[in-house]
Each structure stands twice: as C-alpha cells, then as structure tokens.
Amino acid sequence: MSKYTYEEKLKACDDYFSGTRSASEIARDFGLSKLSGAMDIWFKLYQEHGPTAFINCQAKMHKKY
C-alpha cells in the first residue's frame, strides 16, 4: 500500500500544476526530499494520465520512466 493516498497525490499535483505551491513547498509538507524523485514520478504520471494517474498506481509504476 502506498504511503500517500490518492487524494494527497492528486492535491499535490493539482497545487503544483496550478502554481498554488512549489515543488519545494509540497515536498516539505509531505516530508519528502525534493531530490528523492518521488514527486517527479507523481508529476510525470499526472501529466501522462491525468487525475486517474494514481488509481491502480502500482501497475503503472512498473513502466520505465
């Protein structure tokens, strides 16, 4: 199971792409290192799949990015 919920990932992406919060702010709020790459994966999935990106995320994560 993912550490972060569908809703949390979706909100992070919505905030980032709308310009509401920076990647650094989101990383701080989630306790992530911006350098960890987790958010980059979220953002890439969101750009490619939209709001459904994090539904059944495990299957999508097996693709090479």
PDB file of N, CA and C in Angstrom:
ATOM      1  N   MET A   1       0.844  -1.182   0.000  1.00  0.00           N
ATOM      2  CA  MET A   1       0.000   0.000   0.000  1.00  0.00           C
ATOM      3  C   MET A   1       0.886   1.240   0.000  1.00  0.00           C
ATOM      4  N   SER A   2       0.437   2.243  -0.676  1.00  0.00           N
ATOM      5  CA  SER A   2       1.179   3.484  -0.798  1.00  0.00           C
ATOM      6  C   SER A   2       1.161   4.259   0.515  1.00  0.00           C
ATOM      7  N   LYS A   3       2.240   4.956   0.771  1.00  0.00           N
ATOM      8  CA  LYS A   3       2.326   5.782   1.971  1.00  0.00           C
ATOM      9  C   LYS A   3       1.391   6.979   1.882  1.00  0.00           C
ATOM     10  N   TYR A   4       1.138   7.445   0.669  1.00  0.00           N
ATOM     11  CA  TYR A   4       0.284   8.612   0.455  1.00  0.00           C
ATOM     12  C   TYR A   4      -0.970   8.200  -0.297  1.00  0.00           C
ATOM     13  N   THR A   5      -2.076   8.793   0.066  1.00  0.00           N
ATOM     14  CA  THR A   5      -3.358   8.433  -0.544  1.00  0.00           C
ATOM     15  C   THR A   5      -3.493   9.039  -1.940  1.00  0.00           C
ATOM     16  N   TYR A   6      -4.452   8.493  -2.660  1.00  0.00           N
ATOM     17  CA  TYR A   6      -4.813   9.029  -3.978  1.00  0.00           C
ATOM     18  C   TYR A   6      -5.099  10.524  -3.869  1.00  0.00           C
ATOM     19  N   GLU A   7      -5.882  10.901  -2.856  1.00  0.00           N
ATOM     20  CA  GLU A   7      -6.283  12.296  -2.690  1.00  0.00           C
ATOM     21  C   GLU A   7      -5.086  13.202  -2.407  1.00  0.00           C
ATOM     22  N   GLU A   8      -4.142  12.717  -1.601  1.00  0.00           N
ATOM     23  CA  GLU A   8      -2.959  13.521  -1.285  1.00  0.00           C
ATOM     24  C   GLU A   8      -2.104  13.753  -2.531  1.00  0.00           C
ATOM     25  N   LYS A   9      -1.889  12.696  -3.310  1.00  0.00           N
ATOM     26  CA  LYS A   9      -1.085  12.823  -4.528  1.00  0.00           C
ATOM     27  C   LYS A   9      -1.775  13.734  -5.541  1.00  0.00           C
ATOM     28  N   LEU A  10      -3.087  13.577  -5.668  1.00  0.00           N
ATOM     29  CA  LEU A  10      -3.851  14.404  -6.601  1.00  0.00           C
ATOM     30  C   LEU A  10      -3.789  15.872  -6.195  1.00  0.00           C
ATOM     31  N   LYS A  11      -3.953  16.156  -4.908  1.00  0.00           N
ATOM     32  CA  LYS A  11      -3.881  17.542  -4.418  1.00  0.00           C
ATOM     33  C   LYS A  11      -2.496  18.120  -4.665  1.00  0.00           C
ATOM     34  N   ALA A  12      -1.453  17.337  -4.402  1.00  0.00           N
ATOM     35  CA  ALA A  12      -0.083  17.806  -4.625  1.00  0.00           C
ATOM     36  C   ALA A  12       0.110  18.183  -6.091  1.00  0.00           C
ATOM     37  N   CYS A  13      -0.351  17.336  -6.990  1.00  0.00           N
ATOM     38  CA  CYS A  13      -0.204  17.608  -8.426  1.00  0.00           C
ATOM     39  C   CYS A  13      -1.046  18.798  -8.856  1.00  0.00           C
ATOM     40  N   ASP A  14      -2.283  18.852  -8.381  1.00  0.00           N
ATOM     41  CA  ASP A  14      -3.143  19.992  -8.714  1.00  0.00           C
ATOM     42  C   ASP A  14      -2.504  21.302  -8.255  1.00  0.00           C
ATOM     43  N   ASP A  15      -1.994  21.305  -7.028  1.00  0.00           N
ATOM     44  CA  ASP A  15      -1.366  22.515  -6.490  1.00  0.00           C
ATOM     45  C   ASP A  15      -0.129  22.890  -7.298  1.00  0.00           C
ATOM     46  N   TYR A  16       0.672  21.903  -7.647  1.00  0.00           N
ATOM     47  CA  TYR A  16       1.903  22.169  -8.390  1.00  0.00           C
ATOM     48  C   TYR A  16       1.597  22.718  -9.786  1.00  0.00           C
ATOM     49  N   PHE A  17       0.717  22.044 -10.517  1.00  0.00           N
ATOM     50  CA  PHE A  17       0.444  22.459 -11.894  1.00  0.00           C
ATOM     51  C   PHE A  17      -0.400  23.728 -11.996  1.00  0.00           C
ATOM     52  N   SER A  18      -1.127  24.052 -10.935  1.00  0.00           N
ATOM     53  CA  SER A  18      -1.889  25.306 -10.939  1.00  0.00           C
ATOM     54  C   SER A  18      -1.033  26.479 -10.459  1.00  0.00           C
ATOM     55  N   GLY A  19       0.150  26.174  -9.926  1.00  0.00           N
ATOM     56  CA  GLY A  19       1.024  27.222  -9.428  1.00  0.00           C
ATOM     57  C   GLY A  19       0.722  27.655  -8.006  1.00  0.00           C
ATOM     58  N   THR A  20      -0.167  26.925  -7.338  1.00  0.00           N
ATOM     59  CA  THR A  20      -0.532  27.260  -5.962  1.00  0.00           C
ATOM     60  C   THR A  20       0.635  27.068  -5.004  1.00  0.00           C
ATOM     61  N   ARG A  21       1.380  25.971  -5.203  1.00  0.00           N
ATOM     62  CA  ARG A  21       2.536  25.681  -4.349  1.00  0.00           C
ATOM     63  C   ARG A  21       3.693  25.197  -5.220  1.00  0.00           C
ATOM     64  N   SER A  22       4.894  25.458  -4.761  1.00  0.00           N
ATOM     65  CA  SER A  22       6.085  24.994  -5.479  1.00  0.00           C
ATOM     66  C   SER A  22       6.383  23.544  -5.098  1.00  0.00           C
ATOM     67  N   ALA A  23       7.240  22.916  -5.875  1.00  0.00           N
ATOM     68  CA  ALA A  23       7.661  21.547  -5.567  1.00  0.00           C
ATOM     69  C   ALA A  23       8.332  21.493  -4.198  1.00  0.00           C
ATOM     70  N   SER A  24       9.087  22.503  -3.866  1.00  0.00           N
ATOM     71  CA  SER A  24       9.762  22.546  -2.559  1.00  0.00           C
ATOM     72  C   SER A  24       8.763  22.608  -1.413  1.00  0.00           C
ATOM     73  N   GLU A  25       7.714  23.404  -1.587  1.00  0.00           N
ATOM     74  CA  GLU A  25       6.681  23.503  -0.547  1.00  0.00           C
ATOM     75  C   GLU A  25       5.951  22.182  -0.382  1.00  0.00           C
ATOM     76  N   ILE A  26       5.615  21.557  -1.487  1.00  0.00           N
ATOM     77  CA  ILE A  26       4.907  20.276  -1.438  1.00  0.00           C
ATOM     78  C   ILE A  26       5.795  19.217  -0.788  1.00  0.00           C
ATOM     79  N   ALA A  27       7.062  19.173  -1.181  1.00  0.00           N
ATOM     80  CA  ALA A  27       7.999  18.205  -0.606  1.00  0.00           C
ATOM     81  C   ALA A  27       8.091  18.389   0.905  1.00  0.00           C
ATOM     82  N   ARG A  28       8.190  19.628   1.348  1.00  0.00           N
ATOM     83  CA  ARG A  28       8.265  19.912   2.786  1.00  0.00           C
ATOM     84  C   ARG A  28       6.999  19.422   3.499  1.00  0.00           C
ATOM     85  N   ASP A  29       5.829  19.697   2.926  1.00  0.00           N
ATOM     86  CA  ASP A  29       4.565  19.298   3.545  1.00  0.00           C
ATOM     87  C   ASP A  29       4.430  17.781   3.651  1.00  0.00           C
ATOM     88  N   PHE A  30       5.004  17.062   2.699  1.00  0.00           N
ATOM     89  CA  PHE A  30       4.921  15.605   2.696  1.00  0.00           C
ATOM     90  C   PHE A  30       6.108  14.949   3.406  1.00  0.00           C
ATOM     91  N   GLY A  31       7.057  15.745   3.835  1.00  0.00           N
ATOM     92  CA  GLY A  31       8.229  15.188   4.489  1.00  0.00           C
ATOM     93  C   GLY A  31       9.138  14.444   3.523  1.00  0.00           C
ATOM     94  N   LEU A  32       9.119  14.877   2.261  1.00  0.00           N
ATOM     95  CA  LEU A  32       9.944  14.249   1.231  1.00  0.00           C
ATOM     96  C   LEU A  32      11.148  15.114   0.925  1.00  0.00           C
ATOM     97  N   SER A  33      12.209  14.462   0.524  1.00  0.00           N
ATOM     98  CA  SER A  33      13.344  15.191  -0.025  1.00  0.00           C
ATOM     99  C   SER A  33      13.012  15.455  -1.484  1.00  0.00           C
ATOM    100  N   LYS A  34      13.134  16.686  -1.909  1.00  0.00           N
ATOM    101  CA  LYS A  34      12.852  17.004  -3.307  1.00  0.00           C
ATOM    102  C   LYS A  34      13.744  16.174  -4.227  1.00  0.00           C
ATOM    103  N   LEU A  35      14.887  15.785  -3.723  1.00  0.00           N
ATOM    104  CA  LEU A  35      15.837  15.012  -4.511  1.00  0.00           C
ATOM    105  C   LEU A  35      15.487  13.527  -4.579  1.00  0.00           C
ATOM    106  N   SER A  36      14.507  13.082  -3.782  1.00  0.00           N
ATOM    107  CA  SER A  36      14.168  11.658  -3.754  1.00  0.00           C
ATOM    108  C   SER A  36      13.564  11.178  -5.066  1.00  0.00           C
ATOM    109  N   GLY A  37      12.958  12.083  -5.807  1.00  0.00           N
ATOM    110  CA  GLY A  37      12.374  11.727  -7.091  1.00  0.00           C
ATOM    111  C   GLY A  37      10.925  11.282  -7.025  1.00  0.00           C
ATOM    112  N   ALA A  38      10.393  11.080  -5.834  1.00  0.00           N
ATOM    113  CA  ALA A  38       9.011  10.606  -5.698  1.00  0.00           C
ATOM    114  C   ALA A  38       8.027  11.572  -6.352  1.00  0.00           C
ATOM    115  N   MET A  39       8.183  12.836  -6.071  1.00  0.00           N
ATOM    116  CA  MET A  39       7.253  13.816  -6.644  1.00  0.00           C
ATOM    117  C   MET A  39       7.416  13.933  -8.148  1.00  0.00           C
ATOM    118  N   ASP A  40       8.633  13.791  -8.635  1.00  0.00           N
ATOM    119  CA  ASP A  40       8.838  13.825 -10.091  1.00  0.00           C
ATOM    120  C   ASP A  40       8.037  12.716 -10.762  1.00  0.00           C
ATOM    121  N   ILE A  41       7.993  11.557 -10.129  1.00  0.00           N
ATOM    122  CA  ILE A  41       7.210  10.436 -10.665  1.00  0.00           C
ATOM    123  C   ILE A  41       5.725  10.777 -10.609  1.00  0.00           C
ATOM    124  N   TRP A  42       5.272  11.342  -9.487  1.00  0.00           N
ATOM    125  CA  TRP A  42       3.860  11.740  -9.383  1.00  0.00           C
ATOM    126  C   TRP A  42       3.510  12.715 -10.491  1.00  0.00           C
ATOM    127  N   PHE A  43       4.349  13.733 -10.683  1.00  0.00           N
ATOM    128  CA  PHE A  43       4.066  14.767 -11.677  1.00  0.00           C
ATOM    129  C   PHE A  43       4.056  14.185 -13.088  1.00  0.00           C
ATOM    130  N   LYS A  44       4.977  13.280 -13.370  1.00  0.00           N
ATOM    131  CA  LYS A  44       5.040  12.665 -14.696  1.00  0.00           C
ATOM    132  C   LYS A  44       3.803  11.794 -14.947  1.00  0.00           C
ATOM    133  N   LEU A  45       3.424  10.999 -13.946  1.00  0.00           N
ATOM    134  CA  LEU A  45       2.224  10.169 -14.072  1.00  0.00           C
ATOM    135  C   LEU A  45       0.988  11.042 -14.287  1.00  0.00           C
ATOM    136  N   TYR A  46       0.901  12.124 -13.531  1.00  0.00           N
ATOM    137  CA  TYR A  46      -0.245  13.022 -13.639  1.00  0.00           C
ATOM    138  C   TYR A  46      -0.305  13.665 -15.022  1.00  0.00           C
ATOM    139  N   GLN A  47       0.840  14.075 -15.549  1.00  0.00           N
ATOM    140  CA  GLN A  47       0.860  14.672 -16.884  1.00  0.00           C
ATOM    141  C   GLN A  47       0.430  13.666 -17.944  1.00  0.00           C
ATOM    142  N   GLU A  48       0.829  12.419 -17.789  1.00  0.00           N
ATOM    143  CA  GLU A  48       0.520  11.398 -18.788  1.00  0.00           C
ATOM    144  C   GLU A  48      -0.892  10.834 -18.674  1.00  0.00           C
ATOM    145  N   HIS A  49      -1.416  10.751 -17.437  1.00  0.00           N
ATOM    146  CA  HIS A  49      -2.684  10.055 -17.225  1.00  0.00           C
ATOM    147  C   HIS A  49      -3.781  10.909 -16.602  1.00  0.00           C
ATOM    148  N   GLY A  50      -3.456  12.136 -16.218  1.00  0.00           N
ATOM    149  CA  GLY A  50      -4.460  12.990 -15.600  1.00  0.00           C
ATOM    150  C   GLY A  50      -4.842  12.520 -14.210  1.00  0.00           C
ATOM    151  N   PRO A  51      -6.024  12.911 -13.739  1.00  0.00           N
ATOM    152  CA  PRO A  51      -6.456  12.592 -12.379  1.00  0.00           C
ATOM    153  C   PRO A  51      -6.560  11.091 -12.082  1.00  0.00           C
ATOM    154  N   THR A  52      -6.613  10.267 -13.101  1.00  0.00           N
ATOM    155  CA  THR A  52      -6.687   8.820 -12.858  1.00  0.00           C
ATOM    156  C   THR A  52      -5.302   8.203 -12.655  1.00  0.00           C
ATOM    157  N   ALA A  53      -4.272   9.020 -12.675  1.00  0.00           N
ATOM    158  CA  ALA A  53      -2.882   8.545 -12.602  1.00  0.00           C
ATOM    159  C   ALA A  53      -2.603   7.673 -11.381  1.00  0.00           C
ATOM    160  N   PHE A  54      -3.253   7.956 -10.276  1.00  0.00           N
ATOM    161  CA  PHE A  54      -2.912   7.272  -9.036  1.00  0.00           C
ATOM    162  C   PHE A  54      -3.881   6.172  -8.659  1.00  0.00           C
ATOM    163  N   ILE A  55      -4.803   5.876  -9.555  1.00  0.00           N
ATOM    164  CA  ILE A  55      -5.677   4.723  -9.375  1.00  0.00           C
ATOM    165  C   ILE A  55      -4.927   3.538  -9.954  1.00  0.00           C
ATOM    166  N   ASN A  56      -4.770   2.500  -9.156  1.00  0.00           N
ATOM    167  CA  ASN A  56      -4.003   1.326  -9.573  1.00  0.00           C
ATOM    168  C   ASN A  56      -2.584   1.738  -9.957  1.00  0.00           C
ATOM    169  N   CYS A  57      -2.013   2.581  -9.139  1.00  0.00           N
ATOM    170  CA  CYS A  57      -0.688   3.152  -9.411  1.00  0.00           C
ATOM    171  C   CYS A  57       0.404   2.095  -9.487  1.00  0.00           C
ATOM    172  N   GLN A  58       0.286   1.028  -8.749  1.00  0.00           N
ATOM    173  CA  GLN A  58       1.334   0.016  -8.730  1.00  0.00           C
ATOM    174  C   GLN A  58       1.589  -0.552 -10.120  1.00  0.00           C
ATOM    175  N   ALA A  59       0.557  -0.808 -10.888  1.00  0.00           N
ATOM    176  CA  ALA A  59       0.732  -1.370 -12.227  1.00  0.00           C
ATOM    177  C   ALA A  59       1.459  -0.386 -13.129  1.00  0.00           C
ATOM    178  N   LYS A  60       1.163   0.889 -12.994  1.00  0.00           N
ATOM    179  CA  LYS A  60       1.795   1.904 -13.824  1.00  0.00           C
ATOM    180  C   LYS A  60       3.255   2.115 -13.442  1.00  0.00           C
ATOM    181  N   MET A  61       3.592   1.889 -12.176  1.00  0.00           N
ATOM    182  CA  MET A  61       4.939   2.132 -11.706  1.00  0.00           C
ATOM    183  C   MET A  61       5.945   1.134 -12.289  1.00  0.00           C
ATOM    184  N   HIS A  62       5.471   0.024 -12.797  1.00  0.00           N
ATOM    185  CA  HIS A  62       6.389  -0.962 -13.360  1.00  0.00           C
ATOM    186  C   HIS A  62       6.911  -0.541 -14.716  1.00  0.00           C
ATOM    187  N   LYS A  63       6.307   0.491 -15.306  1.00  0.00           N
ATOM    188  CA  LYS A  63       6.818   1.015 -16.571  1.00  0.00           C
ATOM    189  C   LYS A  63       8.077   1.812 -16.283  1.00  0.00           C
ATOM    190  N   LYS A  64       8.974   1.836 -17.213  1.00  0.00           N
ATOM    191  CA  LYS A  64      10.204   2.612 -17.062  1.00  0.00           C
ATOM    192  C   LYS A  64       9.917   4.077 -17.396  1.00  0.00           C
ATOM    193  N   TYR A  65      10.359   4.970 -16.509  1.00  0.00           N
ATOM    194  CA  TYR A  65      10.205   6.404 -16.747  1.00  0.00           C
ATOM    195  C   TYR A  65      11.564   7.030 -16.779  1.00  0.00           C
TER     196      TYR A  65
END
